[in-house]
Amino acid sequence: MQRPESWLAATVKALLAEKYGGRIPGVRKISADIAAANDGDTISHGHVHNILTGEAENLTDRTRVLLARFFGKQPSFFPPAAGRHRADPGFGARARRPVGHL
């Protein structure tokens, strides 16, 4: 069974389609264009790939800022954690538990 596309992947794909007129370029070109929009600071093409495939569901503050500047959005447009908020008191404890433990 295929898992549903993450909000982040779907959103970034839609923004890229809008930015590039429907034809999304490869991840190396996207990474280079992010660098051009951010005074040379960029997101690696590997991380761009992970964002687009849904493997990267959460963004660091740095990545949020770079994407926001690239797409002309506010950083708050991209949530810091997909589906989870760091204010959740159990977030860190649950994240450190071994797999299979609730």
N, C-alpha and C. Protein backbone atom coordinates (compact mmCIF):
# COMPACT_ATOMS: atom_id res chain seq x y z
N MET A 1 0.84 -1.18 0.00
CA MET A 1 0.00 0.00 0.00
C MET A 1 0.88 1.24 0.00
N GLN A 2 0.59 2.15 -0.88
CA GLN A 2 1.35 3.39 -0.98
C GLN A 2 0.82 4.41 0.01
N ARG A 3 1.74 5.07 0.73
CA ARG A 3 1.29 6.06 1.70
C ARG A 3 0.92 7.36 0.99
N PRO A 4 -0.01 8.11 1.56
CA PRO A 4 -0.43 9.36 0.93
C PRO A 4 0.72 10.37 0.93
N GLU A 5 0.71 11.24 -0.07
CA GLU A 5 1.75 12.26 -0.19
C GLU A 5 1.66 13.23 0.98
N SER A 6 2.81 13.58 1.52
CA SER A 6 2.84 14.50 2.66
C SER A 6 2.43 15.90 2.22
N TRP A 7 1.96 16.68 3.19
CA TRP A 7 1.59 18.08 2.92
C TRP A 7 2.78 18.82 2.35
N LEU A 8 3.95 18.63 2.94
CA LEU A 8 5.15 19.35 2.50
C LEU A 8 5.49 19.02 1.05
N ALA A 9 5.53 17.75 0.70
CA ALA A 9 5.85 17.35 -0.67
C ALA A 9 4.83 17.91 -1.66
N ALA A 10 3.56 17.78 -1.36
CA ALA A 10 2.51 18.27 -2.26
C ALA A 10 2.58 19.79 -2.41
N THR A 11 2.83 20.48 -1.32
CA THR A 11 2.89 21.94 -1.34
C THR A 11 4.08 22.43 -2.14
N VAL A 12 5.25 21.85 -1.89
CA VAL A 12 6.46 22.27 -2.62
C VAL A 12 6.32 21.95 -4.10
N LYS A 13 5.77 20.80 -4.44
CA LYS A 13 5.55 20.47 -5.86
C LYS A 13 4.63 21.48 -6.53
N ALA A 14 3.55 21.86 -5.85
CA ALA A 14 2.61 22.84 -6.41
C ALA A 14 3.29 24.20 -6.58
N LEU A 15 4.08 24.62 -5.60
CA LEU A 15 4.78 25.89 -5.71
C LEU A 15 5.81 25.87 -6.83
N LEU A 16 6.49 24.73 -7.00
CA LEU A 16 7.47 24.61 -8.09
C LEU A 16 6.77 24.65 -9.45
N ALA A 17 5.64 23.96 -9.57
CA ALA A 17 4.90 23.98 -10.84
C ALA A 17 4.46 25.39 -11.18
N GLU A 18 4.03 26.13 -10.17
CA GLU A 18 3.63 27.52 -10.38
C GLU A 18 4.84 28.39 -10.78
N LYS A 19 5.94 28.20 -10.09
CA LYS A 19 7.14 29.01 -10.33
C LYS A 19 7.74 28.74 -11.71
N TYR A 20 7.73 27.50 -12.14
CA TYR A 20 8.37 27.13 -13.40
C TYR A 20 7.36 26.92 -14.54
N GLY A 21 6.16 27.36 -14.37
CA GLY A 21 5.18 27.26 -15.44
C GLY A 21 4.73 25.85 -15.76
N GLY A 22 4.65 25.01 -14.74
CA GLY A 22 4.13 23.66 -14.93
C GLY A 22 5.20 22.61 -15.16
N ARG A 23 6.35 23.00 -15.63
CA ARG A 23 7.42 22.02 -15.91
C ARG A 23 8.49 22.15 -14.82
N ILE A 24 8.50 21.21 -13.90
CA ILE A 24 9.42 21.26 -12.77
C ILE A 24 10.78 20.72 -13.21
N PRO A 25 11.84 21.51 -13.00
CA PRO A 25 13.18 21.04 -13.38
C PRO A 25 13.72 20.00 -12.40
N GLY A 26 14.90 19.49 -12.66
CA GLY A 26 15.54 18.53 -11.78
C GLY A 26 16.00 19.16 -10.47
N VAL A 27 16.33 18.31 -9.53
CA VAL A 27 16.68 18.79 -8.19
C VAL A 27 17.96 19.63 -8.18
N ARG A 28 18.90 19.36 -9.06
CA ARG A 28 20.13 20.17 -9.10
C ARG A 28 19.82 21.60 -9.55
N LYS A 29 18.96 21.76 -10.52
CA LYS A 29 18.55 23.09 -10.99
C LYS A 29 17.78 23.81 -9.90
N ILE A 30 16.89 23.11 -9.23
CA ILE A 30 16.12 23.72 -8.13
C ILE A 30 17.07 24.20 -7.05
N SER A 31 18.03 23.36 -6.67
CA SER A 31 19.01 23.72 -5.64
C SER A 31 19.82 24.95 -6.06
N ALA A 32 20.22 25.01 -7.33
CA ALA A 32 20.96 26.17 -7.84
C ALA A 32 20.10 27.42 -7.82
N ASP A 33 18.83 27.30 -8.16
CA ASP A 33 17.93 28.45 -8.15
C ASP A 33 17.64 28.92 -6.72
N ILE A 34 17.59 27.99 -5.78
CA ILE A 34 17.42 28.37 -4.37
C ILE A 34 18.64 29.17 -3.93
N ALA A 35 19.83 28.74 -4.36
CA ALA A 35 21.06 29.47 -4.03
C ALA A 35 21.03 30.88 -4.61
N ALA A 36 20.58 31.01 -5.85
CA ALA A 36 20.51 32.32 -6.50
C ALA A 36 19.56 33.26 -5.76
N ALA A 37 18.49 32.72 -5.21
CA ALA A 37 17.51 33.53 -4.49
C ALA A 37 17.93 33.84 -3.05
N ASN A 38 18.99 33.15 -2.57
CA ASN A 38 19.39 33.27 -1.17
C ASN A 38 20.86 33.64 -1.02
N ASP A 39 21.37 34.47 -1.91
CA ASP A 39 22.75 34.95 -1.83
C ASP A 39 23.76 33.81 -1.69
N GLY A 40 23.52 32.72 -2.39
CA GLY A 40 24.45 31.59 -2.41
C GLY A 40 24.15 30.49 -1.40
N ASP A 41 23.33 30.77 -0.42
CA ASP A 41 22.95 29.75 0.56
C ASP A 41 21.89 28.87 -0.07
N THR A 42 22.01 27.56 0.06
CA THR A 42 21.08 26.68 -0.63
C THR A 42 20.70 25.47 0.21
N ILE A 43 19.87 24.65 -0.37
CA ILE A 43 19.48 23.36 0.17
C ILE A 43 20.10 22.34 -0.78
N SER A 44 20.72 21.32 -0.25
CA SER A 44 21.36 20.33 -1.12
C SER A 44 20.34 19.69 -2.05
N HIS A 45 20.81 19.27 -3.22
CA HIS A 45 19.87 18.63 -4.15
C HIS A 45 19.33 17.33 -3.55
N GLY A 46 20.11 16.67 -2.70
CA GLY A 46 19.62 15.46 -2.03
C GLY A 46 18.46 15.75 -1.09
N HIS A 47 18.57 16.88 -0.38
CA HIS A 47 17.48 17.25 0.53
C HIS A 47 16.26 17.72 -0.26
N VAL A 48 16.48 18.41 -1.36
CA VAL A 48 15.34 18.79 -2.23
C VAL A 48 14.63 17.52 -2.68
N HIS A 49 15.39 16.52 -3.09
CA HIS A 49 14.81 15.23 -3.51
C HIS A 49 13.97 14.64 -2.37
N ASN A 50 14.54 14.64 -1.14
CA ASN A 50 13.82 14.07 0.00
C ASN A 50 12.54 14.84 0.31
N ILE A 51 12.56 16.14 0.14
CA ILE A 51 11.35 16.95 0.35
C ILE A 51 10.29 16.56 -0.68
N LEU A 52 10.70 16.44 -1.94
CA LEU A 52 9.75 16.15 -3.02
C LEU A 52 9.19 14.73 -2.96
N THR A 53 9.95 13.80 -2.42
CA THR A 53 9.47 12.42 -2.32
C THR A 53 8.73 12.15 -1.01
N GLY A 54 8.73 13.13 -0.12
CA GLY A 54 8.03 12.96 1.15
C GLY A 54 8.88 12.32 2.24
N GLU A 55 10.14 12.03 1.94
CA GLU A 55 11.02 11.44 2.95
C GLU A 55 11.41 12.46 4.01
N ALA A 56 11.45 13.73 3.64
CA ALA A 56 11.72 14.80 4.61
C ALA A 56 10.39 15.46 4.92
N GLU A 57 9.83 15.15 6.06
CA GLU A 57 8.53 15.70 6.42
C GLU A 57 8.63 16.93 7.31
N ASN A 58 9.78 17.14 7.91
CA ASN A 58 9.99 18.28 8.80
C ASN A 58 11.11 19.15 8.25
N LEU A 59 11.02 20.44 8.53
CA LEU A 59 12.02 21.38 8.05
C LEU A 59 12.72 22.05 9.22
N THR A 60 14.01 22.30 9.05
CA THR A 60 14.72 23.12 10.03
C THR A 60 14.32 24.57 9.78
N ASP A 61 14.60 25.43 10.74
CA ASP A 61 14.32 26.85 10.56
C ASP A 61 15.07 27.40 9.35
N ARG A 62 16.32 26.98 9.17
CA ARG A 62 17.13 27.45 8.03
C ARG A 62 16.46 27.07 6.70
N THR A 63 16.04 25.83 6.58
CA THR A 63 15.40 25.37 5.34
C THR A 63 14.10 26.11 5.10
N ARG A 64 13.33 26.34 6.15
CA ARG A 64 12.08 27.09 6.02
C ARG A 64 12.35 28.48 5.45
N VAL A 65 13.39 29.15 5.97
CA VAL A 65 13.72 30.51 5.52
C VAL A 65 14.17 30.49 4.06
N LEU A 66 15.01 29.53 3.69
CA LEU A 66 15.49 29.45 2.30
C LEU A 66 14.34 29.18 1.33
N LEU A 67 13.46 28.26 1.68
CA LEU A 67 12.31 27.98 0.81
C LEU A 67 11.38 29.19 0.73
N ALA A 68 11.16 29.83 1.86
CA ALA A 68 10.27 30.99 1.88
C ALA A 68 10.80 32.09 0.96
N ARG A 69 12.07 32.39 1.06
CA ARG A 69 12.66 33.43 0.21
C ARG A 69 12.58 33.03 -1.27
N PHE A 70 12.86 31.76 -1.56
CA PHE A 70 12.82 31.25 -2.93
C PHE A 70 11.41 31.37 -3.54
N PHE A 71 10.40 31.04 -2.74
CA PHE A 71 9.03 31.06 -3.24
C PHE A 71 8.30 32.38 -2.99
N GLY A 72 8.95 33.34 -2.32
CA GLY A 72 8.30 34.61 -2.04
C GLY A 72 7.20 34.49 -1.00
N LYS A 73 7.41 33.63 -0.03
CA LYS A 73 6.44 33.40 1.05
C LYS A 73 7.06 33.82 2.38
N GLN A 74 6.25 33.87 3.42
CA GLN A 74 6.75 34.06 4.77
C GLN A 74 7.22 32.70 5.30
N PRO A 75 8.27 32.66 6.14
CA PRO A 75 8.70 31.37 6.68
C PRO A 75 7.59 30.60 7.38
N SER A 76 6.66 31.31 7.98
CA SER A 76 5.55 30.65 8.68
C SER A 76 4.64 29.87 7.74
N PHE A 77 4.74 30.12 6.43
CA PHE A 77 3.97 29.36 5.45
C PHE A 77 4.32 27.87 5.53
N PHE A 78 5.60 27.58 5.84
CA PHE A 78 6.07 26.21 5.95
C PHE A 78 6.15 25.84 7.43
N PRO A 79 5.29 24.96 7.90
CA PRO A 79 5.30 24.63 9.33
C PRO A 79 6.61 23.97 9.73
N PRO A 80 7.05 24.20 10.98
CA PRO A 80 8.32 23.61 11.42
C PRO A 80 8.29 22.10 11.55
N ALA A 81 7.16 21.52 11.83
CA ALA A 81 7.05 20.07 11.93
C ALA A 81 5.69 19.65 11.39
N ALA A 82 5.70 18.77 10.43
CA ALA A 82 4.46 18.33 9.80
C ALA A 82 3.65 17.47 10.77
N GLY A 83 2.49 17.99 11.15
CA GLY A 83 1.58 17.23 11.99
C GLY A 83 1.94 17.19 13.47
N ARG A 84 3.09 17.69 13.84
CA ARG A 84 3.51 17.69 15.24
C ARG A 84 4.00 19.08 15.59
N HIS A 85 3.75 19.51 16.77
CA HIS A 85 4.22 20.81 17.20
C HIS A 85 5.19 20.60 18.35
N ARG A 86 6.31 21.28 18.32
CA ARG A 86 7.34 21.09 19.34
C ARG A 86 6.84 21.47 20.74
N ALA A 87 5.74 22.19 20.84
CA ALA A 87 5.20 22.53 22.14
C ALA A 87 4.55 21.31 22.81
N ASP A 88 4.32 20.25 22.04
CA ASP A 88 3.77 19.01 22.58
C ASP A 88 4.73 18.50 23.65
N PRO A 89 4.32 18.42 24.92
CA PRO A 89 5.24 18.06 26.00
C PRO A 89 5.85 16.67 25.84
N GLY A 90 5.22 15.78 25.13
CA GLY A 90 5.76 14.44 24.97
C GLY A 90 6.55 14.24 23.69
N PHE A 91 6.69 15.27 22.89
CA PHE A 91 7.33 15.14 21.59
C PHE A 91 8.73 14.54 21.71
N GLY A 92 9.59 15.14 22.51
CA GLY A 92 10.97 14.67 22.63
C GLY A 92 11.06 13.29 23.24
N ALA A 93 10.28 13.03 24.27
CA ALA A 93 10.33 11.73 24.93
C ALA A 93 9.90 10.61 24.00
N ARG A 94 8.82 10.83 23.25
CA ARG A 94 8.35 9.80 22.33
C ARG A 94 9.32 9.61 21.19
N ALA A 95 9.95 10.69 20.74
CA ALA A 95 10.89 10.59 19.63
C ALA A 95 12.12 9.76 20.01
N ARG A 96 12.46 9.74 21.31
CA ARG A 96 13.65 9.00 21.75
C ARG A 96 13.37 7.56 22.12
N ARG A 97 12.12 7.18 22.18
CA ARG A 97 11.79 5.80 22.55
C ARG A 97 12.18 4.83 21.43
N PRO A 98 12.58 3.63 21.77
CA PRO A 98 12.87 2.62 20.74
C PRO A 98 11.62 2.31 19.93
N VAL A 99 11.82 1.90 18.72
CA VAL A 99 10.71 1.53 17.84
C VAL A 99 9.89 0.43 18.49
N GLY A 100 8.59 0.55 18.41
CA GLY A 100 7.70 -0.45 18.97
C GLY A 100 7.21 -0.14 20.38
N HIS A 101 7.77 0.90 20.97
CA HIS A 101 7.33 1.31 22.32
C HIS A 101 6.43 2.52 22.21
N LEU A 102 5.34 2.51 22.93
CA LEU A 102 4.40 3.63 22.90
C LEU A 102 4.53 4.49 24.10
